[in-house]
Amino acid sequence: MIDLGRALKSAMTTGKVVFGVEQTEKTVRNGEAKLVIVAKNCPSGYLVSKDHGVPVYQFEGNNMELGALCGKPFSVSSIAVIDKGASNILSLG
C-alpha cells in the first residue's frame, strides 16, 4: 500500500505537480498530466469523469484534508502530477 502523503511530498520536491482545478484541467487538456488526484468534494465534473484519458485517484478526504496532506495552508480540490520525480505516486493510477 502506497503512503499518499509521502508519495506526494516526494513528487512535489523531486518532480512537478500543480494544484487546483484550473491548473489541473489545463495540464490534462495539454496532455502533460500523468495522474490526477481529486478530493471527494472536487467541483470539477470534467476531472472526476475520467473521460479525459488520464488516470484519476479519488482521495477519500475533502479539499481541506488534501491541502493539509500537501502541506499547503489552503484547500486543494485537485492535483495533477506532471513529473513523478523520485516518487512512486503513479502506481496510484
C-alpha atoms as a PDB file:
ATOM      1  CA  MET A   1       0.000   0.000   0.000  1.00  0.00           C
ATOM      2  CA  ILE A   2       1.358   3.374  -1.011  1.00  0.00           C
ATOM      3  CA  ASP A   3       1.623   6.202   1.539  1.00  0.00           C
ATOM      4  CA  LEU A   4      -0.085   9.060  -0.318  1.00  0.00           C
ATOM      5  CA  GLY A   5       1.385  11.794   1.883  1.00  0.00           C
ATOM      6  CA  ARG A   6       4.938  10.555   1.440  1.00  0.00           C
ATOM      7  CA  ALA A   7       4.475   9.988  -2.313  1.00  0.00           C
ATOM      8  CA  LEU A   8       3.017  13.494  -2.738  1.00  0.00           C
ATOM      9  CA  LYS A   9       5.834  15.155  -0.809  1.00  0.00           C
ATOM     10  CA  SER A  10       8.410  13.272  -2.882  1.00  0.00           C
ATOM     11  CA  ALA A  11       6.674  14.231  -6.142  1.00  0.00           C
ATOM     12  CA  MET A  12       6.435  17.877  -5.034  1.00  0.00           C
ATOM     13  CA  THR A  13      10.135  18.117  -4.152  1.00  0.00           C
ATOM     14  CA  THR A  14      11.707  15.997  -6.912  1.00  0.00           C
ATOM     15  CA  GLY A  15       9.146  16.223  -9.710  1.00  0.00           C
ATOM     16  CA  LYS A  16       6.473  18.627 -10.926  1.00  0.00           C
ATOM     17  CA  VAL A  17       2.969  18.888  -9.501  1.00  0.00           C
ATOM     18  CA  VAL A  18       0.282  21.539  -9.980  1.00  0.00           C
ATOM     19  CA  PHE A  19      -2.566  22.326  -7.598  1.00  0.00           C
ATOM     20  CA  GLY A  20      -6.128  23.496  -8.175  1.00  0.00           C
ATOM     21  CA  VAL A  21      -8.925  22.725 -10.595  1.00  0.00           C
ATOM     22  CA  GLU A  22      -7.977  25.303 -13.250  1.00  0.00           C
ATOM     23  CA  GLN A  23      -4.302  24.305 -13.380  1.00  0.00           C
ATOM     24  CA  THR A  24      -5.150  20.594 -13.294  1.00  0.00           C
ATOM     25  CA  GLU A  25      -7.679  20.893 -16.124  1.00  0.00           C
ATOM     26  CA  LYS A  26      -5.149  22.871 -18.160  1.00  0.00           C
ATOM     27  CA  THR A  27      -2.419  20.230 -17.797  1.00  0.00           C
ATOM     28  CA  VAL A  28      -4.889  17.438 -18.647  1.00  0.00           C
ATOM     29  CA  ARG A  29      -6.017  19.261 -21.801  1.00  0.00           C
ATOM     30  CA  ASN A  30      -2.379  19.926 -22.793  1.00  0.00           C
ATOM     31  CA  GLY A  31      -1.568  16.232 -22.379  1.00  0.00           C
ATOM     32  CA  GLU A  32       1.006  16.931 -19.644  1.00  0.00           C
ATOM     33  CA  ALA A  33      -0.732  15.242 -16.699  1.00  0.00           C
ATOM     34  CA  LYS A  34       0.301  11.669 -15.876  1.00  0.00           C
ATOM     35  CA  LEU A  35      -2.066  11.331 -12.897  1.00  0.00           C
ATOM     36  CA  VAL A  36      -4.902  13.381 -11.424  1.00  0.00           C
ATOM     37  CA  ILE A  37      -5.776  13.279  -7.730  1.00  0.00           C
ATOM     38  CA  VAL A  38      -9.173  14.690  -6.772  1.00  0.00           C
ATOM     39  CA  ALA A  39     -10.724  15.352  -3.359  1.00  0.00           C
ATOM     40  CA  LYS A  40     -14.129  13.781  -2.755  1.00  0.00           C
ATOM     41  CA  ASN A  41     -15.703  17.252  -2.938  1.00  0.00           C
ATOM     42  CA  CYS A  42     -13.889  18.385  -6.095  1.00  0.00           C
ATOM     43  CA  PRO A  43     -16.248  20.707  -8.012  1.00  0.00           C
ATOM     44  CA  SER A  44     -14.945  19.730 -11.460  1.00  0.00           C
ATOM     45  CA  GLY A  45     -17.150  17.191 -13.200  1.00  0.00           C
ATOM     46  CA  TYR A  46     -14.573  17.076 -16.006  1.00  0.00           C
ATOM     47  CA  LEU A  47     -11.753  15.829 -13.773  1.00  0.00           C
ATOM     48  CA  VAL A  48     -13.924  13.391 -11.829  1.00  0.00           C
ATOM     49  CA  SER A  49     -15.482  11.938 -15.008  1.00  0.00           C
ATOM     50  CA  LYS A  50     -12.272  10.147 -16.111  1.00  0.00           C
ATOM     51  CA  ASP A  51     -13.296  10.746 -19.760  1.00  0.00           C
ATOM     52  CA  HIS A  52     -10.040  12.565 -20.480  1.00  0.00           C
ATOM     53  CA  GLY A  53      -7.745   9.533 -20.664  1.00  0.00           C
ATOM     54  CA  VAL A  54      -5.640  10.359 -17.586  1.00  0.00           C
ATOM     55  CA  PRO A  55      -5.701   8.043 -14.535  1.00  0.00           C
ATOM     56  CA  VAL A  56      -7.714   9.559 -11.669  1.00  0.00           C
ATOM     57  CA  TYR A  57      -7.149   8.760  -7.998  1.00  0.00           C
ATOM     58  CA  GLN A  58     -10.119   9.595  -5.777  1.00  0.00           C
ATOM     59  CA  PHE A  59      -8.816  10.932  -2.450  1.00  0.00           C
ATOM     60  CA  GLU A  60     -11.179   9.886   0.353  1.00  0.00           C
ATOM     61  CA  GLY A  61     -10.893  13.205   2.205  1.00  0.00           C
ATOM     62  CA  ASN A  62     -12.193  16.650   1.314  1.00  0.00           C
ATOM     63  CA  ASN A  63     -10.268  19.559  -0.209  1.00  0.00           C
ATOM     64  CA  MET A  64      -9.147  20.894   3.187  1.00  0.00           C
ATOM     65  CA  GLU A  65      -7.679  17.489   4.100  1.00  0.00           C
ATOM     66  CA  LEU A  66      -5.952  17.180   0.717  1.00  0.00           C
ATOM     67  CA  GLY A  67      -4.441  20.650   1.142  1.00  0.00           C
ATOM     68  CA  ALA A  68      -3.157  19.712   4.607  1.00  0.00           C
ATOM     69  CA  LEU A  69      -1.691  16.463   3.256  1.00  0.00           C
ATOM     70  CA  CYS A  70       0.215  18.528   0.690  1.00  0.00           C
ATOM     71  CA  GLY A  71       1.464  20.870   3.411  1.00  0.00           C
ATOM     72  CA  LYS A  72      -0.477  23.798   1.966  1.00  0.00           C
ATOM     73  CA  PRO A  73      -2.281  26.364   4.146  1.00  0.00           C
ATOM     74  CA  PHE A  74      -5.271  26.323   1.782  1.00  0.00           C
ATOM     75  CA  SER A  75      -7.737  23.830   0.348  1.00  0.00           C
ATOM     76  CA  VAL A  76      -6.720  21.766  -2.688  1.00  0.00           C
ATOM     77  CA  SER A  77      -9.515  20.155  -4.720  1.00  0.00           C
ATOM     78  CA  SER A  78      -7.295  18.594  -7.364  1.00  0.00           C
ATOM     79  CA  ILE A  79      -3.672  17.863  -8.166  1.00  0.00           C
ATOM     80  CA  ALA A  80      -2.037  16.981 -11.465  1.00  0.00           C
ATOM     81  CA  VAL A  81       1.234  15.061 -11.438  1.00  0.00           C
ATOM     82  CA  ILE A  82       3.272  16.145 -14.460  1.00  0.00           C
ATOM     83  CA  ASP A  83       6.589  14.601 -13.439  1.00  0.00           C
ATOM     84  CA  LYS A  84       6.694  11.983 -10.678  1.00  0.00           C
ATOM     85  CA  GLY A  85      10.336  12.693  -9.862  1.00  0.00           C
ATOM     86  CA  ALA A  86      11.697  10.116  -7.396  1.00  0.00           C
ATOM     87  CA  SER A  87       8.234   9.209  -6.065  1.00  0.00           C
ATOM     88  CA  ASN A  88       6.152   6.103  -6.708  1.00  0.00           C
ATOM     89  CA  ILE A  89       2.944   8.137  -6.971  1.00  0.00           C
ATOM     90  CA  LEU A  90       2.000   6.941 -10.449  1.00  0.00           C
ATOM     91  CA  SER A  91       1.296   3.487  -9.021  1.00  0.00           C
ATOM     92  CA  LEU A  92      -1.922   5.010  -7.590  1.00  0.00           C
ATOM     93  CA  GLY A  93      -3.401   5.277 -11.080  1.00  0.00           C
END
